[in-house]
């Protein structure tokens, strides 16, 4: 990546901790994905589409804490409205979810 940003640019990105409270298949997605409902505490529950089906089963995602950007504009994906971007490390084509080492309060700011 050639472009650098300053600290003020970084501060505009609102990254929060949330807990996945519901996981559904998303058969309408172009690439295999799940529809996630994520509890961000005082921010409420937000939905996201995540292409994480190769490494994660639905049952192991429930109650898992993740990191997500919560201040992107909503994005329409088929009939589904994604309200946040779940963060992960991309290893080849697999996405490995980022999460805190210990449980923290939903909505906690990541800085």
Protein backbone atom coordinates (compact mmCIF):
# COMPACT_ATOMS: atom_id res chain seq x y z
CA UNK A 1 0.00 0.00 0.00
CA UNK A 2 1.51 3.28 -1.12
CA UNK A 3 -0.82 5.79 0.47
CA UNK A 4 -0.26 6.81 4.07
CA UNK A 5 -2.84 8.40 6.34
CA UNK A 6 -2.45 10.66 9.33
CA UNK A 7 -3.69 9.96 12.83
CA UNK A 8 -6.78 12.12 12.33
CA UNK A 9 -7.78 9.89 9.38
CA UNK A 10 -7.41 6.79 11.55
CA UNK A 11 -9.54 8.34 14.29
CA UNK A 12 -12.46 8.60 11.83
CA UNK A 13 -12.70 4.80 11.65
CA UNK A 14 -15.02 3.59 14.42
CA UNK A 15 -13.96 0.02 15.28
CA UNK A 16 -15.95 -1.68 18.02
CA UNK A 17 -16.22 -5.04 19.76
CA UNK A 18 -19.45 -6.92 19.25
CA UNK A 19 -20.87 -10.37 19.97
CA UNK A 20 -22.44 -12.46 17.21
CA UNK A 21 -25.96 -13.33 18.38
CA UNK A 22 -27.40 -14.88 15.21
CA UNK A 23 -25.97 -16.58 12.13
CA UNK A 24 -27.95 -17.47 9.01
CA UNK A 25 -26.97 -18.93 5.66
CA UNK A 26 -26.92 -16.40 2.81
CA UNK A 27 -27.67 -18.46 -0.32
CA UNK A 28 -28.34 -15.34 -2.44
CA UNK A 29 -24.75 -14.08 -2.00
CA UNK A 30 -22.43 -14.36 -5.02
CA UNK A 31 -19.76 -15.98 -2.86
CA UNK A 32 -20.56 -18.28 0.09
CA UNK A 33 -21.38 -16.11 3.10
CA UNK A 34 -23.30 -15.87 6.35
CA UNK A 35 -25.70 -13.18 7.51
CA UNK A 36 -24.63 -12.12 11.00
CA UNK A 37 -26.50 -10.19 13.69
CA UNK A 38 -23.99 -8.57 16.05
CA UNK A 39 -24.71 -6.98 19.44
CA UNK A 40 -22.70 -3.78 19.93
CA UNK A 41 -24.12 -2.90 23.35
CA UNK A 42 -25.32 0.71 23.48
CA UNK A 43 -25.00 0.95 19.66
CA UNK A 44 -27.59 -1.80 19.28
CA UNK A 45 -27.63 -4.82 16.99
CA UNK A 46 -26.16 -4.44 13.51
CA UNK A 47 -26.22 -6.85 10.60
CA UNK A 48 -23.33 -7.86 8.38
CA UNK A 49 -22.61 -10.27 5.56
CA UNK A 50 -19.35 -12.18 6.00
CA UNK A 51 -17.58 -14.56 3.63
CA UNK A 52 -16.28 -16.79 6.41
CA UNK A 53 -17.95 -20.10 5.55
CA UNK A 54 -14.74 -21.99 4.74
CA UNK A 55 -13.26 -21.75 8.24
CA UNK A 56 -16.30 -21.28 10.51
CA UNK A 57 -19.45 -23.28 11.17
CA UNK A 58 -22.56 -21.35 12.23
CA UNK A 59 -22.60 -22.94 15.69
CA UNK A 60 -19.05 -21.88 16.51
CA UNK A 61 -19.76 -18.27 15.56
CA UNK A 62 -22.60 -17.82 18.05
CA UNK A 63 -21.55 -15.78 21.11
CA UNK A 64 -18.12 -15.11 19.57
CA UNK A 65 -16.77 -11.59 19.98
CA UNK A 66 -15.44 -9.87 16.86
CA UNK A 67 -14.11 -6.51 15.71
CA UNK A 68 -16.09 -4.47 13.19
CA UNK A 69 -16.13 -1.04 11.59
CA UNK A 70 -19.49 0.43 12.54
CA UNK A 71 -19.44 3.81 10.78
CA UNK A 72 -19.39 2.77 7.12
CA UNK A 73 -22.51 3.57 5.13
CA UNK A 74 -25.00 0.71 4.86
CA UNK A 75 -24.48 -1.55 1.83
CA UNK A 76 -27.20 -3.43 -0.02
CA UNK A 77 -26.17 -7.02 -0.83
CA UNK A 78 -29.04 -8.61 -2.72
CA UNK A 79 -32.07 -8.31 -0.44
CA UNK A 80 -29.82 -7.96 2.63
CA UNK A 81 -28.66 -4.64 4.13
CA UNK A 82 -25.17 -4.83 5.66
CA UNK A 83 -24.69 -2.26 8.43
CA UNK A 84 -21.09 -2.88 9.52
CA UNK A 85 -17.86 -4.48 8.28
CA UNK A 86 -16.53 -7.44 10.25
CA UNK A 87 -12.73 -7.40 10.34
CA UNK A 88 -10.52 -10.35 9.54
CA UNK A 89 -7.11 -11.28 8.22
CA UNK A 90 -7.12 -12.71 4.69
CA UNK A 91 -5.01 -15.85 4.31
CA UNK A 92 -5.18 -16.89 0.64
CA UNK A 93 -8.98 -16.78 0.18
CA UNK A 94 -9.85 -17.62 3.79
CA UNK A 95 -10.87 -14.89 6.24
CA UNK A 96 -9.72 -15.33 9.84
CA UNK A 97 -11.82 -13.26 12.23
CA UNK A 98 -10.14 -10.76 14.53
CA UNK A 99 -11.26 -10.89 18.14
CA UNK A 100 -10.17 -9.73 21.62
CA UNK A 101 -8.13 -12.17 23.72
CA UNK A 102 -10.48 -11.76 26.67
CA UNK A 103 -14.21 -10.98 26.76
CA UNK A 104 -14.96 -7.26 26.90
CA UNK A 105 -18.15 -5.18 27.01
CA UNK A 106 -20.01 -5.07 23.69
CA UNK A 107 -19.50 -1.69 22.03
CA UNK A 108 -15.98 -1.22 23.42
CA UNK A 109 -13.96 1.09 21.17
CA UNK A 110 -10.85 -0.32 19.52
CA UNK A 111 -8.04 2.22 19.24
